[in-house]
Amino acid sequence: MHVAIPLYPRFTALDAVGPYTVFAFAPGWRVTFVAAAPGPVTDDAGHLTLQATTGYADLPRPDVVVVPGGPGTAEALGDRALLDWITGASRHARWMTSVCSGSFLLGAAGLLTGRPATTHWGWLDQLAAFGAVPVSERVVHDGDIVTAAGVSAGIDMALFLLGAAAGEATAQAVQLAMEYDPQPPYACGSPAGAPAGLAEAALSLIK
């Protein structure tokens, strides 16, 4: 199974690296970072650079596409090369997926019309403008479309997808290999459990 993760300036690192790690552990799976042209692409913090090893034209038919989100999504919505590649890949891919605001790029490519989807809680309602039916869940699966909520939810999404494609035993082995056993020190990972006023502070960190 060949997974393609498109990179664009100011993507959020964990959106891409979380799913990458899950799929990279999976036997027989291959992951490629792609962009308009091969080369380095820097994340939203400006400190981490990932290398796109392949251009869009050289990988038109991946089995799985994982579109990361991040502050750069707003500008990427006007990136015709990226959107055209997403649309083209969707004609052949087994699954089209996104993490966080990456779902807006799926929507802009015409893939979410009338379909349930999720994104980061701070922008969930805005998905409707792209034809989607916003759903407040960590992972939303609708046929060949799988969307994940904010940032860390990409790991959950990738494990779900791996289980669907390769079987639960494989996904469980990868989860154990990663020691993915979340036990956060604070119960404020969603607005529902966060103290009053924390949402504003959290959104101010996303630039």
N, C-alpha and C. Protein backbone atom coordinates (compact mmCIF):
# COMPACT_ATOMS: atom_id res chain seq x y z
N MET A 1 0.86 -1.18 0.00
CA MET A 1 0.00 0.00 0.00
C MET A 1 0.90 1.24 0.00
N HIS A 2 0.66 2.12 -0.94
CA HIS A 2 1.49 3.32 -1.07
C HIS A 2 0.70 4.53 -0.58
N VAL A 3 1.23 5.19 0.45
CA VAL A 3 0.60 6.37 1.05
C VAL A 3 1.35 7.61 0.60
N ALA A 4 0.60 8.61 0.14
CA ALA A 4 1.20 9.89 -0.24
C ALA A 4 0.73 10.97 0.73
N ILE A 5 1.67 11.75 1.23
CA ILE A 5 1.37 12.86 2.12
C ILE A 5 1.85 14.14 1.47
N PRO A 6 0.93 14.98 0.95
CA PRO A 6 1.35 16.22 0.31
C PRO A 6 1.77 17.26 1.35
N LEU A 7 2.85 17.94 1.06
CA LEU A 7 3.36 18.98 1.95
C LEU A 7 3.20 20.34 1.30
N TYR A 8 2.90 21.33 2.11
CA TYR A 8 2.80 22.71 1.63
C TYR A 8 3.32 23.61 2.76
N PRO A 9 3.76 24.82 2.46
CA PRO A 9 4.34 25.68 3.49
C PRO A 9 3.40 25.90 4.67
N ARG A 10 3.97 25.80 5.89
CA ARG A 10 3.28 26.04 7.15
C ARG A 10 2.23 24.96 7.46
N PHE A 11 2.53 23.73 7.06
CA PHE A 11 1.73 22.59 7.54
C PHE A 11 2.09 22.35 9.00
N THR A 12 1.21 21.67 9.73
CA THR A 12 1.51 21.31 11.12
C THR A 12 2.22 19.96 11.14
N ALA A 13 3.36 19.92 11.79
CA ALA A 13 4.25 18.75 11.68
C ALA A 13 3.58 17.44 12.09
N LEU A 14 2.90 17.43 13.25
CA LEU A 14 2.33 16.17 13.72
C LEU A 14 1.21 15.67 12.82
N ASP A 15 0.53 16.58 12.11
CA ASP A 15 -0.50 16.17 11.15
C ASP A 15 0.07 15.21 10.12
N ALA A 16 1.32 15.47 9.72
CA ALA A 16 1.97 14.63 8.71
C ALA A 16 2.77 13.50 9.35
N VAL A 17 3.52 13.81 10.40
CA VAL A 17 4.45 12.84 10.97
C VAL A 17 3.73 11.78 11.80
N GLY A 18 2.60 12.13 12.42
CA GLY A 18 1.84 11.12 13.18
C GLY A 18 1.38 9.97 12.30
N PRO A 19 0.58 10.26 11.24
CA PRO A 19 0.19 9.19 10.32
C PRO A 19 1.38 8.52 9.64
N TYR A 20 2.39 9.32 9.30
CA TYR A 20 3.59 8.74 8.67
C TYR A 20 4.18 7.63 9.55
N THR A 21 4.29 7.89 10.85
CA THR A 21 4.89 6.92 11.75
C THR A 21 4.08 5.63 11.80
N VAL A 22 2.74 5.78 11.87
CA VAL A 22 1.88 4.59 11.88
C VAL A 22 2.10 3.75 10.63
N PHE A 23 2.03 4.38 9.47
CA PHE A 23 2.13 3.64 8.21
C PHE A 23 3.56 3.15 7.95
N ALA A 24 4.55 3.89 8.43
CA ALA A 24 5.94 3.46 8.23
C ALA A 24 6.25 2.19 9.01
N PHE A 25 5.56 1.98 10.13
CA PHE A 25 5.74 0.76 10.92
C PHE A 25 5.05 -0.44 10.27
N ALA A 26 4.06 -0.18 9.44
CA ALA A 26 3.22 -1.26 8.91
C ALA A 26 3.95 -2.08 7.85
N PRO A 27 3.98 -3.39 7.98
CA PRO A 27 4.66 -4.24 6.99
C PRO A 27 4.04 -4.09 5.60
N GLY A 28 4.90 -3.86 4.62
CA GLY A 28 4.44 -3.78 3.25
C GLY A 28 3.89 -2.43 2.84
N TRP A 29 3.87 -1.47 3.74
CA TRP A 29 3.37 -0.13 3.42
C TRP A 29 4.55 0.80 3.13
N ARG A 30 4.31 1.73 2.23
CA ARG A 30 5.34 2.71 1.86
C ARG A 30 4.73 4.10 1.91
N VAL A 31 5.48 5.06 2.42
CA VAL A 31 4.99 6.43 2.56
C VAL A 31 5.91 7.38 1.81
N THR A 32 5.32 8.26 1.02
CA THR A 32 6.09 9.24 0.26
C THR A 32 5.55 10.63 0.55
N PHE A 33 6.45 11.55 0.87
CA PHE A 33 6.07 12.95 0.98
C PHE A 33 6.18 13.58 -0.41
N VAL A 34 5.11 14.26 -0.83
CA VAL A 34 5.08 14.84 -2.17
C VAL A 34 4.81 16.34 -2.08
N ALA A 35 5.17 17.04 -3.13
CA ALA A 35 4.91 18.48 -3.25
C ALA A 35 4.92 18.80 -4.74
N ALA A 36 4.73 20.06 -5.07
CA ALA A 36 4.73 20.46 -6.47
C ALA A 36 6.04 20.06 -7.14
N ALA A 37 7.12 20.15 -6.39
CA ALA A 37 8.43 19.72 -6.86
C ALA A 37 9.20 19.16 -5.68
N PRO A 38 10.09 18.21 -5.89
CA PRO A 38 10.87 17.68 -4.78
C PRO A 38 11.66 18.79 -4.10
N GLY A 39 11.81 18.66 -2.78
CA GLY A 39 12.58 19.65 -2.04
C GLY A 39 12.05 19.83 -0.64
N PRO A 40 12.69 20.70 0.15
CA PRO A 40 12.31 20.89 1.54
C PRO A 40 11.05 21.74 1.68
N VAL A 41 10.22 21.39 2.66
CA VAL A 41 9.02 22.16 2.98
C VAL A 41 9.02 22.37 4.50
N THR A 42 8.84 23.61 4.92
CA THR A 42 8.96 23.96 6.34
C THR A 42 7.60 24.07 7.01
N ASP A 43 7.54 23.62 8.25
CA ASP A 43 6.28 23.57 9.00
C ASP A 43 5.85 24.94 9.52
N ASP A 44 4.73 24.95 10.27
CA ASP A 44 4.15 26.20 10.73
C ASP A 44 5.00 26.91 11.79
N ALA A 45 5.82 26.14 12.52
CA ALA A 45 6.68 26.76 13.53
C ALA A 45 7.94 27.36 12.92
N GLY A 46 8.23 26.98 11.70
CA GLY A 46 9.40 27.52 11.02
C GLY A 46 10.70 26.87 11.41
N HIS A 47 10.64 25.76 12.14
CA HIS A 47 11.86 25.13 12.63
C HIS A 47 12.07 23.71 12.10
N LEU A 48 11.00 23.08 11.63
CA LEU A 48 11.10 21.70 11.16
C LEU A 48 10.85 21.65 9.66
N THR A 49 11.75 21.03 8.95
CA THR A 49 11.63 20.91 7.50
C THR A 49 11.59 19.44 7.11
N LEU A 50 10.58 19.07 6.33
CA LEU A 50 10.50 17.73 5.77
C LEU A 50 10.84 17.79 4.29
N GLN A 51 11.37 16.70 3.78
CA GLN A 51 11.80 16.64 2.39
C GLN A 51 10.75 15.94 1.54
N ALA A 52 10.19 16.67 0.60
CA ALA A 52 9.32 16.03 -0.40
C ALA A 52 10.25 15.37 -1.41
N THR A 53 10.13 14.05 -1.53
CA THR A 53 11.05 13.32 -2.41
C THR A 53 10.49 13.15 -3.83
N THR A 54 9.22 13.49 -4.00
CA THR A 54 8.56 13.27 -5.28
C THR A 54 7.64 14.45 -5.60
N GLY A 55 7.54 14.79 -6.88
CA GLY A 55 6.61 15.82 -7.31
C GLY A 55 5.24 15.21 -7.60
N TYR A 56 4.22 16.06 -7.64
CA TYR A 56 2.86 15.57 -7.90
C TYR A 56 2.77 14.76 -9.19
N ALA A 57 3.43 15.26 -10.22
CA ALA A 57 3.32 14.61 -11.53
C ALA A 57 3.87 13.18 -11.51
N ASP A 58 4.80 12.91 -10.59
CA ASP A 58 5.44 11.60 -10.55
C ASP A 58 4.71 10.61 -9.65
N LEU A 59 3.66 11.05 -8.96
CA LEU A 59 2.90 10.14 -8.11
C LEU A 59 1.40 10.45 -8.26
N PRO A 60 0.84 10.15 -9.42
CA PRO A 60 -0.56 10.50 -9.67
C PRO A 60 -1.57 9.52 -9.10
N ARG A 61 -1.13 8.29 -8.73
CA ARG A 61 -2.10 7.27 -8.34
C ARG A 61 -1.69 6.54 -7.06
N PRO A 62 -1.56 7.26 -5.94
CA PRO A 62 -1.27 6.57 -4.67
C PRO A 62 -2.49 5.79 -4.21
N ASP A 63 -2.28 4.84 -3.32
CA ASP A 63 -3.38 4.06 -2.77
C ASP A 63 -4.13 4.84 -1.68
N VAL A 64 -3.37 5.64 -0.93
CA VAL A 64 -3.92 6.43 0.16
C VAL A 64 -3.31 7.82 0.12
N VAL A 65 -4.13 8.83 0.35
CA VAL A 65 -3.64 10.21 0.46
C VAL A 65 -3.98 10.71 1.85
N VAL A 66 -2.99 11.29 2.54
CA VAL A 66 -3.20 11.91 3.84
C VAL A 66 -2.87 13.39 3.71
N VAL A 67 -3.88 14.25 3.79
CA VAL A 67 -3.66 15.68 3.64
C VAL A 67 -3.54 16.32 5.03
N PRO A 68 -2.38 16.83 5.38
CA PRO A 68 -2.23 17.47 6.69
C PRO A 68 -2.84 18.86 6.70
N GLY A 69 -3.07 19.37 7.89
CA GLY A 69 -3.57 20.72 8.03
C GLY A 69 -2.48 21.64 8.58
N GLY A 70 -2.92 22.79 9.05
CA GLY A 70 -1.99 23.76 9.60
C GLY A 70 -2.37 25.17 9.19
N PRO A 71 -1.71 26.17 9.77
CA PRO A 71 -2.01 27.56 9.40
C PRO A 71 -1.83 27.85 7.92
N GLY A 72 -0.99 27.06 7.26
CA GLY A 72 -0.78 27.27 5.83
C GLY A 72 -1.92 26.82 4.96
N THR A 73 -2.95 26.20 5.56
CA THR A 73 -4.09 25.72 4.78
C THR A 73 -4.77 26.84 4.02
N ALA A 74 -4.92 28.00 4.67
CA ALA A 74 -5.63 29.13 4.04
C ALA A 74 -4.99 29.50 2.70
N GLU A 75 -3.68 29.56 2.68
CA GLU A 75 -2.99 29.88 1.42
C GLU A 75 -3.05 28.69 0.46
N ALA A 76 -2.96 27.48 1.00
CA ALA A 76 -2.97 26.28 0.16
C ALA A 76 -4.30 26.12 -0.57
N LEU A 77 -5.38 26.71 -0.04
CA LEU A 77 -6.67 26.63 -0.71
C LEU A 77 -6.63 27.28 -2.10
N GLY A 78 -5.65 28.13 -2.32
CA GLY A 78 -5.48 28.75 -3.63
C GLY A 78 -4.41 28.09 -4.47
N ASP A 79 -3.88 26.97 -3.99
CA ASP A 79 -2.82 26.26 -4.71
C ASP A 79 -3.46 25.29 -5.70
N ARG A 80 -3.59 25.72 -6.94
CA ARG A 80 -4.29 24.93 -7.95
C ARG A 80 -3.58 23.60 -8.22
N ALA A 81 -2.26 23.61 -8.18
CA ALA A 81 -1.52 22.36 -8.44
C ALA A 81 -1.83 21.32 -7.38
N LEU A 82 -1.90 21.75 -6.13
CA LEU A 82 -2.20 20.84 -5.03
C LEU A 82 -3.64 20.32 -5.14
N LEU A 83 -4.58 21.22 -5.35
CA LEU A 83 -5.98 20.80 -5.43
C LEU A 83 -6.24 19.89 -6.62
N ASP A 84 -5.61 20.19 -7.75
CA ASP A 84 -5.78 19.34 -8.93
C ASP A 84 -5.19 17.95 -8.68
N TRP A 85 -4.07 17.91 -7.97
CA TRP A 85 -3.46 16.60 -7.67
C TRP A 85 -4.37 15.80 -6.74
N ILE A 86 -4.94 16.46 -5.72
CA ILE A 86 -5.86 15.77 -4.81
C ILE A 86 -7.06 15.22 -5.59
N THR A 87 -7.63 16.05 -6.46
CA THR A 87 -8.78 15.60 -7.25
C THR A 87 -8.41 14.41 -8.13
N GLY A 88 -7.27 14.51 -8.80
CA GLY A 88 -6.82 13.42 -9.68
C GLY A 88 -6.54 12.15 -8.91
N ALA A 89 -5.87 12.28 -7.76
CA ALA A 89 -5.55 11.10 -6.95
C ALA A 89 -6.80 10.41 -6.46
N SER A 90 -7.85 11.20 -6.18
CA SER A 90 -9.08 10.62 -5.63
C SER A 90 -9.77 9.68 -6.61
N ARG A 91 -9.48 9.80 -7.89
CA ARG A 91 -10.12 8.94 -8.90
C ARG A 91 -9.60 7.51 -8.83
N HIS A 92 -8.46 7.32 -8.21
CA HIS A 92 -7.84 5.99 -8.18
C HIS A 92 -7.55 5.49 -6.77
N ALA A 93 -7.44 6.41 -5.80
CA ALA A 93 -7.04 6.03 -4.44
C ALA A 93 -8.12 5.22 -3.75
N ARG A 94 -7.68 4.34 -2.90
CA ARG A 94 -8.62 3.56 -2.09
C ARG A 94 -9.22 4.43 -0.99
N TRP A 95 -8.38 5.30 -0.41
CA TRP A 95 -8.85 6.21 0.62
C TRP A 95 -8.22 7.59 0.44
N MET A 96 -9.06 8.60 0.65
CA MET A 96 -8.61 9.99 0.73
C MET A 96 -8.84 10.43 2.16
N THR A 97 -7.79 10.88 2.82
CA THR A 97 -7.90 11.21 4.24
C THR A 97 -7.31 12.57 4.53
N SER A 98 -7.64 13.08 5.70
CA SER A 98 -7.10 14.38 6.12
C SER A 98 -6.95 14.41 7.62
N VAL A 99 -6.12 15.34 8.07
CA VAL A 99 -5.93 15.59 9.49
C VAL A 99 -6.15 17.08 9.71
N CYS A 100 -6.90 17.42 10.76
CA CYS A 100 -7.12 18.81 11.14
C CYS A 100 -7.71 19.60 9.95
N SER A 101 -7.15 20.76 9.66
CA SER A 101 -7.71 21.60 8.59
C SER A 101 -7.42 21.07 7.19
N GLY A 102 -6.71 19.96 7.09
CA GLY A 102 -6.53 19.33 5.79
C GLY A 102 -7.84 18.97 5.13
N SER A 103 -8.90 18.80 5.95
CA SER A 103 -10.21 18.49 5.38
C SER A 103 -10.73 19.62 4.50
N PHE A 104 -10.31 20.85 4.77
CA PHE A 104 -10.73 21.96 3.92
C PHE A 104 -10.16 21.81 2.51
N LEU A 105 -8.99 21.23 2.42
CA LEU A 105 -8.39 21.00 1.10
C LEU A 105 -9.13 19.89 0.37
N LEU A 106 -9.57 18.85 1.10
CA LEU A 106 -10.41 17.84 0.47
C LEU A 106 -11.70 18.47 -0.03
N GLY A 107 -12.27 19.36 0.79
CA GLY A 107 -13.49 20.04 0.40
C GLY A 107 -13.31 20.93 -0.80
N ALA A 108 -12.20 21.67 -0.82
CA ALA A 108 -11.92 22.56 -1.95
C ALA A 108 -11.69 21.78 -3.23
N ALA A 109 -11.26 20.53 -3.09
CA ALA A 109 -11.05 19.67 -4.26
C ALA A 109 -12.35 18.99 -4.69
N GLY A 110 -13.44 19.30 -4.00
CA GLY A 110 -14.75 18.78 -4.39
C GLY A 110 -15.09 17.42 -3.85
N LEU A 111 -14.40 16.97 -2.80
CA LEU A 111 -14.58 15.59 -2.34
C LEU A 111 -15.53 15.43 -1.17
N LEU A 112 -15.96 16.53 -0.55
CA LEU A 112 -16.75 16.41 0.66
C LEU A 112 -18.22 16.81 0.51
N THR A 113 -18.66 17.10 -0.68
CA THR A 113 -20.02 17.57 -0.89
C THR A 113 -21.05 16.57 -0.37
N GLY A 114 -21.83 17.02 0.61
CA GLY A 114 -22.87 16.18 1.19
C GLY A 114 -22.38 15.06 2.08
N ARG A 115 -21.09 15.07 2.42
CA ARG A 115 -20.52 13.97 3.19
C ARG A 115 -20.11 14.43 4.59
N PRO A 116 -20.27 13.57 5.58
CA PRO A 116 -19.84 13.92 6.93
C PRO A 116 -18.32 14.01 7.00
N ALA A 117 -17.83 14.98 7.75
CA ALA A 117 -16.38 15.17 7.89
C ALA A 117 -16.11 15.95 9.16
N THR A 118 -14.88 15.89 9.59
CA THR A 118 -14.48 16.63 10.78
C THR A 118 -13.19 17.39 10.53
N THR A 119 -12.82 18.21 11.49
CA THR A 119 -11.59 18.99 11.44
C THR A 119 -11.32 19.47 12.86
N HIS A 120 -10.36 20.33 13.03
CA HIS A 120 -10.08 20.92 14.35
C HIS A 120 -11.34 21.61 14.88
N TRP A 121 -11.60 21.45 16.17
CA TRP A 121 -12.82 22.00 16.76
C TRP A 121 -12.99 23.50 16.54
N GLY A 122 -11.87 24.21 16.42
CA GLY A 122 -11.96 25.66 16.26
C GLY A 122 -12.54 26.10 14.94
N TRP A 123 -12.54 25.20 13.95
CA TRP A 123 -13.00 25.57 12.60
C TRP A 123 -14.06 24.61 12.07
N LEU A 124 -14.60 23.78 12.95
CA LEU A 124 -15.51 22.73 12.51
C LEU A 124 -16.71 23.29 11.75
N ASP A 125 -17.33 24.34 12.26
CA ASP A 125 -18.53 24.87 11.62
C ASP A 125 -18.26 25.38 10.21
N GLN A 126 -17.01 25.79 9.95
CA GLN A 126 -16.68 26.34 8.64
C GLN A 126 -16.62 25.28 7.54
N LEU A 127 -16.61 24.01 7.92
CA LEU A 127 -16.57 22.95 6.91
C LEU A 127 -17.82 22.96 6.03
N ALA A 128 -18.92 23.43 6.58
CA ALA A 128 -20.17 23.44 5.81
C ALA A 128 -20.04 24.29 4.55
N ALA A 129 -19.20 25.32 4.59
CA ALA A 129 -19.00 26.18 3.42
C ALA A 129 -18.34 25.44 2.27
N PHE A 130 -17.75 24.27 2.57
CA PHE A 130 -17.10 23.47 1.55
C PHE A 130 -17.96 22.26 1.18
N GLY A 131 -19.23 22.32 1.55
CA GLY A 131 -20.17 21.27 1.16
C GLY A 131 -20.28 20.11 2.10
N ALA A 132 -19.44 20.08 3.14
CA ALA A 132 -19.43 18.95 4.05
C ALA A 132 -20.52 19.08 5.11
N VAL A 133 -20.80 17.97 5.77
CA VAL A 133 -21.68 17.95 6.93
C VAL A 133 -20.77 17.83 8.15
N PRO A 134 -20.55 18.92 8.89
CA PRO A 134 -19.60 18.88 10.00
C PRO A 134 -20.04 17.92 11.11
N VAL A 135 -19.11 17.12 11.58
CA VAL A 135 -19.37 16.14 12.64
C VAL A 135 -18.30 16.31 13.71
N SER A 136 -18.73 16.47 14.95
CA SER A 136 -17.78 16.65 16.04
C SER A 136 -17.36 15.30 16.61
N GLU A 137 -16.49 14.62 15.87
CA GLU A 137 -15.93 13.34 16.30
C GLU A 137 -14.44 13.32 15.98
N ARG A 138 -13.73 12.46 16.66
CA ARG A 138 -12.27 12.42 16.49
C ARG A 138 -11.88 11.88 15.11
N VAL A 139 -12.58 10.86 14.66
CA VAL A 139 -12.35 10.29 13.32
C VAL A 139 -13.71 10.05 12.68
N VAL A 140 -13.87 10.50 11.46
CA VAL A 140 -15.13 10.31 10.73
C VAL A 140 -14.83 9.54 9.45
N HIS A 141 -15.52 8.42 9.28
CA HIS A 141 -15.32 7.53 8.13
C HIS A 141 -16.57 7.53 7.29
N ASP A 142 -16.44 7.85 6.02
CA ASP A 142 -17.57 7.81 5.10
C ASP A 142 -17.08 7.26 3.76
N GLY A 143 -17.21 5.95 3.59
CA GLY A 143 -16.74 5.33 2.36
C GLY A 143 -15.24 5.48 2.18
N ASP A 144 -14.84 6.11 1.08
CA ASP A 144 -13.42 6.26 0.80
C ASP A 144 -12.83 7.54 1.40
N ILE A 145 -13.63 8.26 2.20
CA ILE A 145 -13.16 9.48 2.84
C ILE A 145 -13.05 9.25 4.35
N VAL A 146 -11.87 9.55 4.90
CA VAL A 146 -11.67 9.46 6.34
C VAL A 146 -11.03 10.76 6.81
N THR A 147 -11.71 11.47 7.70
CA THR A 147 -11.17 12.73 8.20
C THR A 147 -10.92 12.63 9.70
N ALA A 148 -9.89 13.32 10.15
CA ALA A 148 -9.55 13.32 11.57
C ALA A 148 -9.66 14.74 12.11
N ALA A 149 -9.94 14.85 13.40
CA ALA A 149 -10.00 16.14 14.07
C ALA A 149 -8.58 16.71 14.21
N GLY A 150 -8.37 17.56 15.19
CA GLY A 150 -7.11 18.29 15.26
C GLY A 150 -5.87 17.46 15.55
N VAL A 151 -4.82 17.74 14.83
CA VAL A 151 -3.43 17.35 15.05
C VAL A 151 -3.24 15.91 15.53
N SER A 152 -3.34 15.67 16.84
CA SER A 152 -3.04 14.34 17.38
C SER A 152 -4.02 13.28 16.90
N ALA A 153 -5.21 13.70 16.45
CA ALA A 153 -6.21 12.74 15.97
C ALA A 153 -5.74 12.01 14.72
N GLY A 154 -4.73 12.54 14.05
CA GLY A 154 -4.20 11.87 12.87
C GLY A 154 -3.64 10.49 13.17
N ILE A 155 -3.11 10.31 14.37
CA ILE A 155 -2.60 8.99 14.77
C ILE A 155 -3.76 8.01 14.88
N ASP A 156 -4.85 8.44 15.51
CA ASP A 156 -6.03 7.58 15.62
C ASP A 156 -6.57 7.22 14.24
N MET A 157 -6.62 8.22 13.38
CA MET A 157 -7.14 7.99 12.02
C MET A 157 -6.28 6.97 11.29
N ALA A 158 -4.96 7.10 11.39
CA ALA A 158 -4.07 6.19 10.69
C ALA A 158 -4.19 4.77 11.22
N LEU A 159 -4.33 4.61 12.52
CA LEU A 159 -4.51 3.28 13.09
C LEU A 159 -5.84 2.68 12.66
N PHE A 160 -6.89 3.49 12.62
CA PHE A 160 -8.19 3.02 12.13
C PHE A 160 -8.07 2.53 10.70
N LEU A 161 -7.40 3.33 9.87
CA LEU A 161 -7.27 2.98 8.45
C LEU A 161 -6.43 1.71 8.28
N LEU A 162 -5.36 1.62 9.05
CA LEU A 162 -4.52 0.43 8.98
C LEU A 162 -5.30 -0.81 9.37
N GLY A 163 -6.14 -0.70 10.40
CA GLY A 163 -6.96 -1.83 10.80
C GLY A 163 -7.94 -2.23 9.72
N ALA A 164 -8.53 -1.23 9.05
CA ALA A 164 -9.49 -1.52 7.99
C ALA A 164 -8.82 -2.17 6.79
N ALA A 165 -7.59 -1.78 6.51
CA ALA A 165 -6.90 -2.28 5.31
C ALA A 165 -6.13 -3.56 5.55
N ALA A 166 -5.49 -3.66 6.70
CA ALA A 166 -4.58 -4.77 6.94
C ALA A 166 -5.01 -5.68 8.08
N GLY A 167 -6.11 -5.34 8.73
CA GLY A 167 -6.59 -6.17 9.83
C GLY A 167 -6.24 -5.59 11.19
N GLU A 168 -7.10 -5.90 12.15
CA GLU A 168 -6.90 -5.34 13.49
C GLU A 168 -5.60 -5.80 14.13
N ALA A 169 -5.18 -7.02 13.87
CA ALA A 169 -3.95 -7.53 14.49
C ALA A 169 -2.75 -6.70 14.07
N THR A 170 -2.70 -6.33 12.79
CA THR A 170 -1.59 -5.51 12.31
C THR A 170 -1.63 -4.12 12.95
N ALA A 171 -2.82 -3.52 12.98
CA ALA A 171 -2.94 -2.19 13.56
C ALA A 171 -2.61 -2.22 15.05
N GLN A 172 -3.03 -3.26 15.74
CA GLN A 172 -2.74 -3.37 17.16
C GLN A 172 -1.25 -3.55 17.40
N ALA A 173 -0.58 -4.32 16.54
CA ALA A 173 0.86 -4.52 16.68
C ALA A 173 1.60 -3.21 16.47
N VAL A 174 1.15 -2.43 15.49
CA VAL A 174 1.79 -1.12 15.25
C VAL A 174 1.55 -0.19 16.44
N GLN A 175 0.33 -0.18 16.95
CA GLN A 175 0.03 0.67 18.11
C GLN A 175 0.93 0.30 19.30
N LEU A 176 1.10 -1.00 19.51
CA LEU A 176 1.95 -1.44 20.62
C LEU A 176 3.41 -1.11 20.36
N ALA A 177 3.85 -1.29 19.11
CA ALA A 177 5.23 -0.95 18.77
C ALA A 177 5.52 0.52 19.03
N MET A 178 4.52 1.37 18.75
CA MET A 178 4.67 2.81 18.99
C MET A 178 4.48 3.17 20.46
N GLU A 179 3.99 2.20 21.25
CA GLU A 179 3.57 2.45 22.63
C GLU A 179 2.62 3.65 22.67
N TYR A 180 1.65 3.60 21.78
CA TYR A 180 0.64 4.65 21.75
C TYR A 180 -0.44 4.32 22.77
N ASP A 181 -0.27 4.85 23.95
CA ASP A 181 -1.14 4.57 25.09
C ASP A 181 -1.39 5.89 25.81
N PRO A 182 -2.15 6.80 25.20
CA PRO A 182 -2.27 8.17 25.72
C PRO A 182 -2.81 8.22 27.14
N GLN A 183 -2.09 8.92 27.99
CA GLN A 183 -2.51 9.17 29.37
C GLN A 183 -2.15 10.61 29.71
N PRO A 184 -2.84 11.57 29.07
CA PRO A 184 -2.46 12.97 29.24
C PRO A 184 -2.63 13.44 30.69
N PRO A 185 -1.79 14.36 31.13
CA PRO A 185 -1.87 14.82 32.52
C PRO A 185 -3.08 15.70 32.80
N TYR A 186 -3.72 16.20 31.73
CA TYR A 186 -4.87 17.09 31.93
C TYR A 186 -6.04 16.62 31.08
N ALA A 187 -7.24 16.72 31.61
CA ALA A 187 -8.45 16.32 30.89
C ALA A 187 -9.03 17.53 30.16
N CYS A 188 -8.25 18.09 29.24
CA CYS A 188 -8.72 19.28 28.53
C CYS A 188 -8.38 19.18 27.04
N GLY A 189 -8.42 17.96 26.52
CA GLY A 189 -8.07 17.76 25.12
C GLY A 189 -9.17 18.10 24.15
N SER A 190 -10.35 18.46 24.66
CA SER A 190 -11.44 18.90 23.80
C SER A 190 -12.16 20.04 24.51
N PRO A 191 -12.87 20.88 23.76
CA PRO A 191 -13.58 22.00 24.40
C PRO A 191 -14.56 21.54 25.48
N ALA A 192 -15.11 20.32 25.31
CA ALA A 192 -16.10 19.83 26.26
C ALA A 192 -15.53 19.69 27.67
N GLY A 193 -14.24 19.37 27.76
CA GLY A 193 -13.65 19.16 29.08
C GLY A 193 -12.72 20.26 29.53
N ALA A 194 -12.59 21.31 28.72
CA ALA A 194 -11.64 22.37 29.03
C ALA A 194 -12.25 23.42 29.96
N PRO A 195 -11.43 24.00 30.83
CA PRO A 195 -11.93 25.07 31.70
C PRO A 195 -12.38 26.28 30.90
N ALA A 196 -13.26 27.05 31.47
CA ALA A 196 -13.77 28.26 30.81
C ALA A 196 -12.62 29.19 30.47
N GLY A 197 -12.66 29.71 29.24
CA GLY A 197 -11.65 30.67 28.81
C GLY A 197 -10.43 30.04 28.16
N LEU A 198 -10.28 28.73 28.29
CA LEU A 198 -9.08 28.07 27.76
C LEU A 198 -9.12 27.98 26.23
N ALA A 199 -10.32 27.90 25.65
CA ALA A 199 -10.43 27.79 24.20
C ALA A 199 -9.79 28.97 23.50
N GLU A 200 -10.02 30.16 24.03
CA GLU A 200 -9.45 31.36 23.43
C GLU A 200 -7.91 31.32 23.50
N ALA A 201 -7.41 30.91 24.63
CA ALA A 201 -5.96 30.82 24.79
C ALA A 201 -5.37 29.78 23.84
N ALA A 202 -6.10 28.66 23.68
CA ALA A 202 -5.60 27.60 22.80
C ALA A 202 -5.57 28.07 21.36
N LEU A 203 -6.63 28.72 20.91
CA LEU A 203 -6.68 29.19 19.52
C LEU A 203 -5.61 30.24 19.24
N SER A 204 -5.23 30.99 20.27
CA SER A 204 -4.19 32.02 20.07
C SER A 204 -2.83 31.40 19.78
N LEU A 205 -2.68 30.12 20.10
CA LEU A 205 -1.40 29.43 19.85
C LEU A 205 -1.29 28.95 18.41
N ILE A 206 -2.40 28.93 17.71
CA ILE A 206 -2.41 28.46 16.31
C ILE A 206 -2.32 29.68 15.41
N LYS A 207 -1.16 29.88 14.85
CA LYS A 207 -0.92 31.12 14.10
C LYS A 207 -0.79 30.85 12.62
